[in-house]
N, C-alpha and C. Protein backbone atom coordinates (compact mmCIF):
# COMPACT_ATOMS: atom_id res chain seq x y z
N MET A 1 101.71 -59.26 50.92
CA MET A 1 101.92 -58.00 50.04
C MET A 1 100.89 -57.18 50.10
N ALA A 2 100.80 -55.96 50.63
CA ALA A 2 99.61 -55.15 50.63
C ALA A 2 99.61 -54.19 49.03
N ILE A 3 98.56 -54.15 48.80
CA ILE A 3 98.23 -53.37 47.62
C ILE A 3 98.28 -52.12 47.72
N THR A 4 99.12 -51.04 47.03
CA THR A 4 99.33 -49.75 47.28
C THR A 4 98.24 -49.07 46.94
N ASN A 5 97.74 -49.25 45.38
CA ASN A 5 97.53 -48.47 44.62
C ASN A 5 95.80 -48.83 44.82
N PRO A 6 95.31 -47.59 45.31
CA PRO A 6 93.53 -47.53 45.79
C PRO A 6 92.74 -48.20 44.91
N THR A 7 92.90 -47.69 43.69
CA THR A 7 92.10 -48.34 42.82
C THR A 7 92.00 -49.88 42.24
N VAL A 8 93.57 -50.62 42.41
CA VAL A 8 93.48 -51.76 42.07
C VAL A 8 93.08 -52.32 43.31
N ALA A 9 93.27 -51.74 44.39
CA ALA A 9 92.54 -52.25 45.67
C ALA A 9 91.06 -52.48 45.70
N LYS A 10 90.68 -51.26 44.87
CA LYS A 10 89.15 -51.19 44.85
C LYS A 10 88.23 -52.11 44.32
N ILE A 11 89.05 -52.50 42.99
CA ILE A 11 88.93 -53.80 42.20
C ILE A 11 88.93 -55.18 42.59
N PHE A 12 90.03 -55.14 43.67
CA PHE A 12 90.03 -56.88 44.53
C PHE A 12 89.03 -56.54 45.30
N SER A 13 88.60 -55.92 45.67
CA SER A 13 87.96 -55.57 46.78
C SER A 13 86.38 -55.83 46.34
N ASP A 14 86.30 -55.38 45.52
CA ASP A 14 84.52 -55.45 44.58
C ASP A 14 84.28 -56.94 43.96
N LEU A 15 85.76 -57.46 43.51
CA LEU A 15 85.69 -58.68 43.08
C LEU A 15 85.58 -59.75 44.14
N GLU A 16 85.97 -59.55 45.15
CA GLU A 16 85.83 -60.43 46.28
C GLU A 16 84.31 -60.35 47.07
N ALA A 17 83.99 -58.91 47.23
CA ALA A 17 82.10 -59.32 47.29
C ALA A 17 81.51 -59.74 46.34
N TYR A 18 81.70 -59.37 44.97
CA TYR A 18 81.00 -60.02 43.86
C TYR A 18 81.12 -61.70 44.32
N ARG A 19 82.41 -62.18 44.45
CA ARG A 19 82.05 -63.42 44.49
C ARG A 19 81.67 -64.29 45.66
N ASP A 20 81.84 -63.49 46.60
CA ASP A 20 81.03 -64.26 48.10
C ASP A 20 79.36 -63.65 48.00
N PHE A 21 78.95 -63.06 47.09
CA PHE A 21 77.34 -62.67 46.53
C PHE A 21 77.00 -63.85 45.94
N CYS A 22 78.28 -64.26 44.85
CA CYS A 22 77.63 -65.37 44.30
C CYS A 22 77.47 -66.62 44.79
N ARG A 23 78.31 -66.75 46.03
CA ARG A 23 78.70 -68.33 46.76
C ARG A 23 77.68 -68.11 47.63
N PHE A 24 76.98 -67.56 48.26
CA PHE A 24 76.26 -67.19 49.37
C PHE A 24 74.89 -66.87 49.09
N GLU A 25 74.80 -65.47 48.76
CA GLU A 25 73.34 -64.92 48.36
C GLU A 25 72.51 -64.99 47.48
N ASN A 26 73.38 -65.47 46.47
CA ASN A 26 72.12 -65.58 45.10
C ASN A 26 72.41 -67.29 44.62
N GLY A 27 72.36 -68.06 45.67
CA GLY A 27 71.83 -69.67 45.40
C GLY A 27 72.95 -70.36 44.52
N GLY A 28 74.19 -69.80 44.88
CA GLY A 28 75.28 -70.51 43.87
C GLY A 28 75.35 -70.36 42.84
N CYS A 29 74.87 -69.17 42.32
CA CYS A 29 75.45 -68.65 40.71
C CYS A 29 76.58 -68.71 40.21
N VAL A 30 76.39 -68.81 39.00
CA VAL A 30 78.16 -68.81 38.53
C VAL A 30 78.94 -67.75 38.84
N PHE A 31 80.26 -67.73 39.30
CA PHE A 31 80.87 -66.72 39.30
C PHE A 31 81.77 -66.69 38.49
N ASP A 32 81.89 -65.72 37.34
CA ASP A 32 82.60 -64.96 36.06
C ASP A 32 83.36 -63.70 36.12
N GLU A 33 85.05 -64.00 36.33
CA GLU A 33 85.54 -62.48 36.64
C GLU A 33 85.13 -61.29 35.63
N LYS A 34 84.88 -61.92 34.05
CA LYS A 34 84.53 -61.29 33.36
C LYS A 34 83.27 -60.21 33.78
N ALA A 35 82.21 -60.78 34.67
CA ALA A 35 80.99 -60.09 34.81
C ALA A 35 81.51 -58.80 35.78
N LEU A 36 82.48 -58.79 36.33
CA LEU A 36 82.49 -57.37 36.98
C LEU A 36 82.53 -55.96 36.49
N TYR A 37 81.58 -55.50 36.55
CA TYR A 37 81.10 -54.36 36.34
C TYR A 37 80.52 -54.02 34.95
N ASN A 38 79.72 -55.40 34.63
CA ASN A 38 79.44 -55.53 33.20
C ASN A 38 77.93 -55.15 33.37
N LYS A 39 77.16 -54.24 33.25
CA LYS A 39 75.82 -54.21 33.44
C LYS A 39 74.87 -55.03 32.84
N LYS A 40 75.41 -55.76 31.41
CA LYS A 40 74.48 -56.37 30.58
C LYS A 40 74.33 -58.35 31.15
N ASP A 41 75.70 -58.31 32.20
CA ASP A 41 75.20 -59.48 32.97
C ASP A 41 74.73 -59.71 34.08
N PRO A 42 73.59 -61.09 33.80
CA PRO A 42 72.30 -60.96 34.73
C PRO A 42 72.91 -60.96 35.78
N ASN A 43 73.79 -62.08 35.98
CA ASN A 43 74.45 -61.72 37.69
C ASN A 43 74.79 -60.60 38.41
N TRP A 44 75.36 -59.70 37.54
CA TRP A 44 76.11 -58.59 37.98
C TRP A 44 74.58 -57.71 38.11
N GLN A 45 73.96 -57.65 37.56
CA GLN A 45 72.62 -56.90 37.61
C GLN A 45 72.05 -57.40 38.90
N ALA A 46 72.15 -59.01 39.22
CA ALA A 46 71.41 -58.92 40.82
C ALA A 46 72.13 -58.77 41.91
N TYR A 47 73.96 -58.69 41.35
CA TYR A 47 74.69 -57.80 42.56
C TYR A 47 74.30 -56.74 43.28
N GLU A 48 74.09 -55.95 41.51
CA GLU A 48 73.83 -54.42 42.07
C GLU A 48 72.70 -54.23 42.71
N LYS A 49 71.48 -54.73 42.50
CA LYS A 49 70.01 -54.84 42.95
C LYS A 49 70.32 -55.43 44.59
N TRP A 50 71.24 -56.23 45.27
CA TRP A 50 71.18 -56.48 46.18
C TRP A 50 71.91 -55.28 47.16
N GLN A 51 73.03 -54.85 46.69
CA GLN A 51 73.69 -54.13 47.20
C GLN A 51 72.73 -52.45 47.40
N GLY A 52 71.83 -52.31 46.52
CA GLY A 52 70.72 -51.47 46.74
C GLY A 52 69.98 -51.78 47.78
N TRP A 53 69.55 -53.19 47.93
CA TRP A 53 68.78 -53.43 48.93
C TRP A 53 69.48 -53.42 50.41
N ILE A 54 70.58 -53.50 50.50
CA ILE A 54 71.29 -53.49 51.97
C ILE A 54 71.43 -52.27 51.90
N ARG A 55 71.60 -51.34 51.28
CA ARG A 55 71.77 -49.84 51.73
C ARG A 55 70.37 -49.71 52.30
N ALA A 56 69.65 -49.38 51.17
CA ALA A 56 68.13 -49.14 52.07
C ALA A 56 68.09 -49.74 53.20
N LYS A 57 68.39 -50.99 53.51
CA LYS A 57 67.77 -51.76 54.78
C LYS A 57 68.54 -51.14 55.82
N ASN A 58 70.08 -50.87 55.52
CA ASN A 58 70.76 -50.32 56.26
C ASN A 58 70.26 -48.52 57.04
N ARG A 59 69.71 -47.75 55.85
CA ARG A 59 69.67 -46.39 55.85
C ARG A 59 68.21 -46.63 56.68
N ASN A 60 67.39 -47.34 56.62
CA ASN A 60 66.10 -47.34 57.50
C ASN A 60 66.16 -47.86 58.63
N LYS A 61 67.17 -48.60 59.10
CA LYS A 61 67.81 -49.36 60.38
C LYS A 61 67.99 -48.15 61.07
N ALA A 62 68.87 -46.95 60.75
CA ALA A 62 69.61 -46.15 60.89
C ALA A 62 68.35 -45.14 61.18
N ARG A 63 67.62 -44.91 60.56
CA ARG A 63 66.08 -43.66 60.44
C ARG A 63 65.57 -44.16 61.79
N ASN A 64 65.11 -45.55 61.67
CA ASN A 64 64.33 -46.06 63.14
C ASN A 64 65.16 -45.98 64.45
N GLN A 65 66.27 -45.85 64.25
CA GLN A 65 66.82 -45.83 65.46
C GLN A 65 67.20 -44.44 66.25
N ARG A 66 67.02 -43.66 65.15
CA ARG A 66 67.14 -41.88 65.68
C ARG A 66 65.84 -41.68 66.51
N SER A 67 64.54 -42.32 65.71
CA SER A 67 63.20 -41.97 66.08
C SER A 67 62.97 -42.66 67.57
């Protein structure tokens, strides 16, 4: 069954990405659904910082390919 509401689909997509981050990228940190979008939670802060690093890495990679 596909989720047709784009807002709900984004929440589930973000939850899945955060779960994968907790499992694979952050050394097996504790995954808690309540931490989703909670800016005070240290695991969510680490996830947002990691996302920024990935964006910067991809941006620099594209910039270097154009040169």
